[in-house]
């Protein structure tokens, strides 16, 4: 179980790095700055909150922190889709980042279901 948690933590860290790289490419217009800030916060906080979940003090604390991870990933998914639809950025594979976001959402959602059943 710990191995899977470590793999997921590393995957979320890599995800944060990709979000960082993407937001650095956005222009300094008002929409560019706004989307960069929103996406940077939600995309990088998913991994940080997962790390906190791994050190949770109770099952309820773990579930709560995982719910925050899911919320942040869903928000990131929105901003990534907005960037894609607005054709705001070029020379970056947003499609693969959107796919990774969907996969991470599914993993965290399933983890939440499992954690809630173990009450």
N, C-alpha and C. Protein backbone atom coordinates (compact mmCIF):
# COMPACT_ATOMS: atom_id res chain seq x y z
N UNK A 1 0.83 -1.21 0.00
CA UNK A 1 0.00 0.00 0.00
C UNK A 1 0.86 1.26 0.00
N UNK A 2 1.92 1.23 0.77
CA UNK A 2 2.80 2.40 0.84
C UNK A 2 3.46 2.67 -0.51
N UNK A 3 3.77 1.61 -1.24
CA UNK A 3 4.38 1.76 -2.57
C UNK A 3 3.44 2.51 -3.51
N UNK A 4 2.15 2.16 -3.48
CA UNK A 4 1.17 2.84 -4.33
C UNK A 4 1.04 4.31 -3.93
N UNK A 5 1.07 4.57 -2.63
CA UNK A 5 0.99 5.95 -2.15
C UNK A 5 2.20 6.74 -2.62
N UNK A 6 3.38 6.13 -2.58
CA UNK A 6 4.59 6.80 -3.04
C UNK A 6 4.53 7.06 -4.54
N UNK A 7 4.01 6.09 -5.29
CA UNK A 7 3.89 6.27 -6.74
C UNK A 7 2.92 7.41 -7.07
N UNK A 8 1.81 7.45 -6.34
CA UNK A 8 0.83 8.50 -6.57
C UNK A 8 1.40 9.87 -6.17
N UNK A 9 2.12 9.91 -5.06
CA UNK A 9 2.75 11.16 -4.63
C UNK A 9 3.72 11.66 -5.69
N UNK A 10 4.50 10.76 -6.26
CA UNK A 10 5.46 11.13 -7.31
C UNK A 10 4.73 11.59 -8.58
N UNK A 11 3.65 10.93 -8.89
CA UNK A 11 2.85 11.30 -10.07
C UNK A 11 2.26 12.69 -9.89
N UNK A 12 1.78 12.98 -8.69
CA UNK A 12 1.23 14.31 -8.41
C UNK A 12 2.32 15.37 -8.42
N UNK A 13 3.51 15.02 -8.00
CA UNK A 13 4.64 15.95 -8.06
C UNK A 13 4.97 16.25 -9.52
N UNK A 14 5.05 15.22 -10.35
CA UNK A 14 5.30 15.41 -11.78
C UNK A 14 4.20 16.26 -12.42
N UNK A 15 2.98 16.03 -11.99
CA UNK A 15 1.84 16.81 -12.48
C UNK A 15 2.03 18.29 -12.13
N UNK A 16 2.43 18.55 -10.90
CA UNK A 16 2.68 19.92 -10.47
C UNK A 16 3.77 20.58 -11.31
N UNK A 17 4.79 19.82 -11.65
CA UNK A 17 5.88 20.35 -12.49
C UNK A 17 5.33 20.73 -13.87
N UNK A 18 4.49 19.87 -14.44
CA UNK A 18 3.91 20.17 -15.75
C UNK A 18 3.01 21.40 -15.69
N UNK A 19 2.26 21.52 -14.61
CA UNK A 19 1.41 22.71 -14.42
C UNK A 19 2.30 23.95 -14.34
N UNK A 20 3.37 23.85 -13.58
CA UNK A 20 4.33 24.95 -13.44
C UNK A 20 4.86 25.37 -14.82
N UNK A 21 5.30 24.39 -15.61
CA UNK A 21 5.85 24.68 -16.94
C UNK A 21 4.80 25.34 -17.84
N UNK A 22 3.57 24.85 -17.76
CA UNK A 22 2.50 25.42 -18.58
C UNK A 22 2.21 26.86 -18.18
N UNK A 23 2.08 27.12 -16.90
CA UNK A 23 1.73 28.47 -16.46
C UNK A 23 2.84 29.47 -16.77
N UNK A 24 4.07 29.00 -16.83
CA UNK A 24 5.19 29.88 -17.19
C UNK A 24 5.08 30.33 -18.65
N UNK A 25 4.37 29.58 -19.47
CA UNK A 25 4.24 29.90 -20.90
C UNK A 25 3.08 30.85 -21.19
N UNK A 26 2.23 31.08 -20.21
CA UNK A 26 1.09 31.97 -20.45
C UNK A 26 1.56 33.41 -20.51
N UNK A 27 0.89 34.19 -21.35
CA UNK A 27 1.32 35.58 -21.51
C UNK A 27 0.92 36.44 -20.31
N UNK A 28 1.35 37.68 -20.33
CA UNK A 28 1.12 38.56 -19.18
C UNK A 28 -0.14 39.42 -19.33
N UNK A 29 -1.02 39.06 -20.27
CA UNK A 29 -2.30 39.76 -20.38
C UNK A 29 -3.13 39.48 -19.12
N UNK A 30 -4.18 40.25 -18.93
CA UNK A 30 -5.04 40.02 -17.77
C UNK A 30 -5.59 38.59 -17.75
N UNK A 31 -6.16 38.08 -18.85
CA UNK A 31 -6.64 36.70 -18.83
C UNK A 31 -5.50 35.69 -18.61
N UNK A 32 -4.37 35.93 -19.24
CA UNK A 32 -3.23 35.03 -19.08
C UNK A 32 -2.76 34.95 -17.64
N UNK A 33 -2.64 36.10 -17.00
CA UNK A 33 -2.21 36.13 -15.59
C UNK A 33 -3.24 35.47 -14.69
N UNK A 34 -4.50 35.74 -14.96
CA UNK A 34 -5.57 35.17 -14.13
C UNK A 34 -5.58 33.64 -14.25
N UNK A 35 -5.56 33.14 -15.49
CA UNK A 35 -5.59 31.69 -15.68
C UNK A 35 -4.33 31.04 -15.12
N UNK A 36 -3.19 31.68 -15.30
CA UNK A 36 -1.94 31.13 -14.78
C UNK A 36 -2.01 31.02 -13.26
N UNK A 37 -2.49 32.06 -12.60
CA UNK A 37 -2.56 32.04 -11.14
C UNK A 37 -3.52 30.98 -10.62
N UNK A 38 -4.69 30.92 -11.22
CA UNK A 38 -5.70 29.95 -10.79
C UNK A 38 -5.20 28.51 -11.01
N UNK A 39 -4.68 28.26 -12.20
CA UNK A 39 -4.22 26.92 -12.53
C UNK A 39 -3.00 26.54 -11.70
N UNK A 40 -2.10 27.48 -11.51
CA UNK A 40 -0.91 27.19 -10.71
C UNK A 40 -1.30 26.80 -9.29
N UNK A 41 -2.22 27.56 -8.69
CA UNK A 41 -2.63 27.26 -7.32
C UNK A 41 -3.32 25.90 -7.22
N UNK A 42 -4.29 25.65 -8.07
CA UNK A 42 -5.04 24.39 -7.97
C UNK A 42 -4.18 23.20 -8.38
N UNK A 43 -3.40 23.35 -9.44
CA UNK A 43 -2.61 22.24 -9.95
C UNK A 43 -1.47 21.81 -9.05
N UNK A 44 -0.87 22.78 -8.37
CA UNK A 44 0.24 22.42 -7.48
C UNK A 44 -0.24 22.04 -6.08
N UNK A 45 -1.40 22.53 -5.69
CA UNK A 45 -1.87 22.20 -4.34
C UNK A 45 -2.41 20.77 -4.25
N UNK A 46 -2.75 20.16 -5.38
CA UNK A 46 -3.23 18.78 -5.34
C UNK A 46 -2.17 17.86 -4.72
N UNK A 47 -0.94 17.99 -5.15
CA UNK A 47 0.14 17.16 -4.61
C UNK A 47 0.44 17.49 -3.16
N UNK A 48 0.44 18.76 -2.83
CA UNK A 48 0.71 19.18 -1.45
C UNK A 48 -0.36 18.64 -0.51
N UNK A 49 -1.61 18.71 -0.93
CA UNK A 49 -2.69 18.20 -0.09
C UNK A 49 -2.66 16.68 0.00
N UNK A 50 -2.21 16.01 -1.04
CA UNK A 50 -2.07 14.56 -0.98
C UNK A 50 -1.00 14.18 0.05
N UNK A 51 0.10 14.92 0.05
CA UNK A 51 1.15 14.67 1.05
C UNK A 51 0.59 14.84 2.46
N UNK A 52 -0.24 15.85 2.64
CA UNK A 52 -0.88 16.04 3.95
C UNK A 52 -1.82 14.89 4.28
N UNK A 53 -2.54 14.40 3.29
CA UNK A 53 -3.45 13.27 3.51
C UNK A 53 -2.67 12.04 3.97
N UNK A 54 -1.49 11.84 3.39
CA UNK A 54 -0.67 10.69 3.77
C UNK A 54 -0.23 10.76 5.24
N UNK A 55 -0.20 11.95 5.79
CA UNK A 55 0.16 12.12 7.20
C UNK A 55 -1.04 12.44 8.07
N UNK A 56 -2.21 12.09 7.62
CA UNK A 56 -3.44 12.42 8.34
C UNK A 56 -3.45 11.80 9.74
N UNK A 57 -4.11 12.48 10.65
CA UNK A 57 -4.17 12.05 12.04
C UNK A 57 -5.30 11.05 12.30
N UNK A 58 -6.24 10.96 11.39
CA UNK A 58 -7.37 10.03 11.57
C UNK A 58 -7.94 9.69 10.19
N UNK A 59 -8.82 8.71 10.15
CA UNK A 59 -9.49 8.35 8.90
C UNK A 59 -10.30 9.54 8.39
N UNK A 60 -10.99 10.23 9.28
CA UNK A 60 -11.80 11.38 8.87
C UNK A 60 -10.92 12.49 8.30
N UNK A 61 -9.76 12.71 8.91
CA UNK A 61 -8.81 13.71 8.42
C UNK A 61 -8.29 13.31 7.04
N UNK A 62 -8.00 12.03 6.87
CA UNK A 62 -7.52 11.51 5.59
C UNK A 62 -8.56 11.74 4.50
N UNK A 63 -9.81 11.39 4.78
CA UNK A 63 -10.90 11.56 3.82
C UNK A 63 -11.06 13.03 3.47
N UNK A 64 -11.03 13.89 4.48
CA UNK A 64 -11.19 15.33 4.25
C UNK A 64 -10.08 15.86 3.33
N UNK A 65 -8.87 15.48 3.59
CA UNK A 65 -7.75 15.96 2.77
C UNK A 65 -7.80 15.39 1.35
N UNK A 66 -8.23 14.15 1.21
CA UNK A 66 -8.38 13.58 -0.13
C UNK A 66 -9.49 14.31 -0.90
N UNK A 67 -10.53 14.73 -0.19
CA UNK A 67 -11.60 15.48 -0.85
C UNK A 67 -11.06 16.82 -1.37
N UNK A 68 -10.14 17.42 -0.64
CA UNK A 68 -9.51 18.66 -1.10
C UNK A 68 -8.67 18.39 -2.36
N UNK A 69 -7.93 17.28 -2.36
CA UNK A 69 -7.15 16.91 -3.54
C UNK A 69 -8.07 16.78 -4.75
N UNK A 70 -9.19 16.10 -4.58
CA UNK A 70 -10.14 15.91 -5.67
C UNK A 70 -10.69 17.25 -6.16
N UNK A 71 -11.03 18.11 -5.23
CA UNK A 71 -11.54 19.44 -5.56
C UNK A 71 -10.52 20.23 -6.38
N UNK A 72 -9.27 20.20 -5.96
CA UNK A 72 -8.22 20.94 -6.67
C UNK A 72 -7.98 20.37 -8.07
N UNK A 73 -8.03 19.06 -8.20
CA UNK A 73 -7.86 18.44 -9.51
C UNK A 73 -9.01 18.80 -10.45
N UNK A 74 -10.22 18.81 -9.91
CA UNK A 74 -11.37 19.19 -10.73
C UNK A 74 -11.27 20.64 -11.19
N UNK A 75 -10.80 21.50 -10.30
CA UNK A 75 -10.61 22.90 -10.68
C UNK A 75 -9.53 23.01 -11.77
N UNK A 76 -8.45 22.29 -11.61
CA UNK A 76 -7.39 22.29 -12.61
C UNK A 76 -7.92 21.82 -13.96
N UNK A 77 -8.76 20.80 -13.91
CA UNK A 77 -9.36 20.26 -15.14
C UNK A 77 -10.14 21.36 -15.86
N UNK A 78 -10.88 22.15 -15.09
CA UNK A 78 -11.64 23.26 -15.68
C UNK A 78 -10.70 24.26 -16.37
N UNK A 79 -9.66 24.70 -15.67
CA UNK A 79 -8.75 25.71 -16.23
C UNK A 79 -8.02 25.18 -17.46
N UNK A 80 -7.64 23.93 -17.44
CA UNK A 80 -6.98 23.33 -18.60
C UNK A 80 -7.91 23.29 -19.81
N UNK A 81 -9.16 22.93 -19.56
CA UNK A 81 -10.13 22.90 -20.66
C UNK A 81 -10.39 24.30 -21.20
N UNK A 82 -10.42 25.28 -20.31
CA UNK A 82 -10.61 26.67 -20.73
C UNK A 82 -9.43 27.13 -21.61
N UNK A 83 -8.23 26.79 -21.19
CA UNK A 83 -7.05 27.12 -22.00
C UNK A 83 -7.13 26.47 -23.38
N UNK A 84 -7.53 25.22 -23.40
CA UNK A 84 -7.64 24.49 -24.67
C UNK A 84 -8.68 25.13 -25.57
N UNK A 85 -9.87 25.38 -25.04
CA UNK A 85 -10.97 25.94 -25.84
C UNK A 85 -10.69 27.36 -26.30
N UNK A 86 -9.96 28.12 -25.50
CA UNK A 86 -9.68 29.51 -25.86
C UNK A 86 -8.49 29.62 -26.80
N UNK A 87 -7.85 28.49 -27.07
CA UNK A 87 -6.69 28.45 -27.96
C UNK A 87 -5.64 29.48 -27.51
N UNK A 88 -5.43 29.52 -26.20
CA UNK A 88 -4.56 30.52 -25.60
C UNK A 88 -3.09 30.19 -25.71
N UNK A 89 -2.76 28.92 -25.75
CA UNK A 89 -1.35 28.55 -25.70
C UNK A 89 -1.01 27.58 -26.82
N UNK A 90 0.17 27.73 -27.32
CA UNK A 90 0.67 26.85 -28.38
C UNK A 90 1.96 26.20 -27.88
N UNK A 91 2.38 25.20 -28.58
CA UNK A 91 3.65 24.50 -28.25
C UNK A 91 3.64 23.88 -26.85
N UNK A 92 2.48 23.40 -26.45
CA UNK A 92 2.37 22.68 -25.18
C UNK A 92 1.25 21.67 -25.35
N UNK A 93 1.50 20.44 -24.95
CA UNK A 93 0.51 19.38 -25.14
C UNK A 93 -0.51 19.39 -23.99
N UNK A 94 -1.46 20.29 -24.11
CA UNK A 94 -2.50 20.40 -23.07
C UNK A 94 -3.35 19.14 -23.04
N UNK A 95 -3.57 18.51 -24.19
CA UNK A 95 -4.39 17.30 -24.24
C UNK A 95 -3.86 16.22 -23.29
N UNK A 96 -2.55 16.02 -23.28
CA UNK A 96 -2.00 14.98 -22.40
C UNK A 96 -2.12 15.38 -20.94
N UNK A 97 -2.04 16.68 -20.65
CA UNK A 97 -2.19 17.14 -19.27
C UNK A 97 -3.65 17.00 -18.82
N UNK A 98 -4.57 17.25 -19.73
CA UNK A 98 -5.99 17.04 -19.42
C UNK A 98 -6.25 15.56 -19.15
N UNK A 99 -5.66 14.70 -19.95
CA UNK A 99 -5.83 13.25 -19.76
C UNK A 99 -5.25 12.81 -18.42
N UNK A 100 -4.09 13.32 -18.07
CA UNK A 100 -3.49 12.99 -16.77
C UNK A 100 -4.37 13.48 -15.64
N UNK A 101 -4.96 14.66 -15.81
CA UNK A 101 -5.86 15.20 -14.78
C UNK A 101 -7.05 14.27 -14.59
N UNK A 102 -7.64 13.81 -15.68
CA UNK A 102 -8.78 12.88 -15.60
C UNK A 102 -8.38 11.60 -14.88
N UNK A 103 -7.21 11.07 -15.22
CA UNK A 103 -6.75 9.84 -14.57
C UNK A 103 -6.54 10.05 -13.07
N UNK A 104 -5.94 11.16 -12.71
CA UNK A 104 -5.72 11.45 -11.29
C UNK A 104 -7.05 11.64 -10.55
N UNK A 105 -8.00 12.30 -11.19
CA UNK A 105 -9.33 12.47 -10.60
C UNK A 105 -9.95 11.10 -10.32
N UNK A 106 -9.86 10.19 -11.29
CA UNK A 106 -10.42 8.85 -11.12
C UNK A 106 -9.74 8.09 -9.99
N UNK A 107 -8.44 8.19 -9.90
CA UNK A 107 -7.69 7.49 -8.84
C UNK A 107 -8.10 8.02 -7.47
N UNK A 108 -8.13 9.34 -7.33
CA UNK A 108 -8.48 9.93 -6.03
C UNK A 108 -9.93 9.64 -5.68
N UNK A 109 -10.83 9.71 -6.66
CA UNK A 109 -12.24 9.42 -6.40
C UNK A 109 -12.42 7.98 -5.91
N UNK A 110 -11.72 7.03 -6.53
CA UNK A 110 -11.80 5.63 -6.09
C UNK A 110 -11.19 5.46 -4.71
N UNK A 111 -10.11 6.16 -4.44
CA UNK A 111 -9.49 6.10 -3.12
C UNK A 111 -10.45 6.63 -2.05
N UNK A 112 -11.16 7.68 -2.39
CA UNK A 112 -12.14 8.23 -1.44
C UNK A 112 -13.26 7.23 -1.16
N UNK A 113 -13.74 6.58 -2.19
CA UNK A 113 -14.80 5.57 -2.00
C UNK A 113 -14.31 4.47 -1.06
N UNK A 114 -13.10 4.00 -1.31
CA UNK A 114 -12.52 2.95 -0.47
C UNK A 114 -12.33 3.43 0.97
N UNK A 115 -11.81 4.62 1.13
CA UNK A 115 -11.55 5.15 2.47
C UNK A 115 -12.86 5.36 3.24
N UNK A 116 -13.89 5.78 2.57
CA UNK A 116 -15.17 5.99 3.24
C UNK A 116 -15.82 4.68 3.64
N UNK A 117 -15.58 3.60 2.90
CA UNK A 117 -16.14 2.28 3.22
C UNK A 117 -15.48 1.69 4.45
N UNK A 118 -14.26 2.07 4.75
CA UNK A 118 -13.51 1.48 5.85
C UNK A 118 -13.82 2.08 7.20
N UNK A 119 -14.84 2.92 7.28
CA UNK A 119 -15.19 3.59 8.55
C UNK A 119 -15.47 2.63 9.66
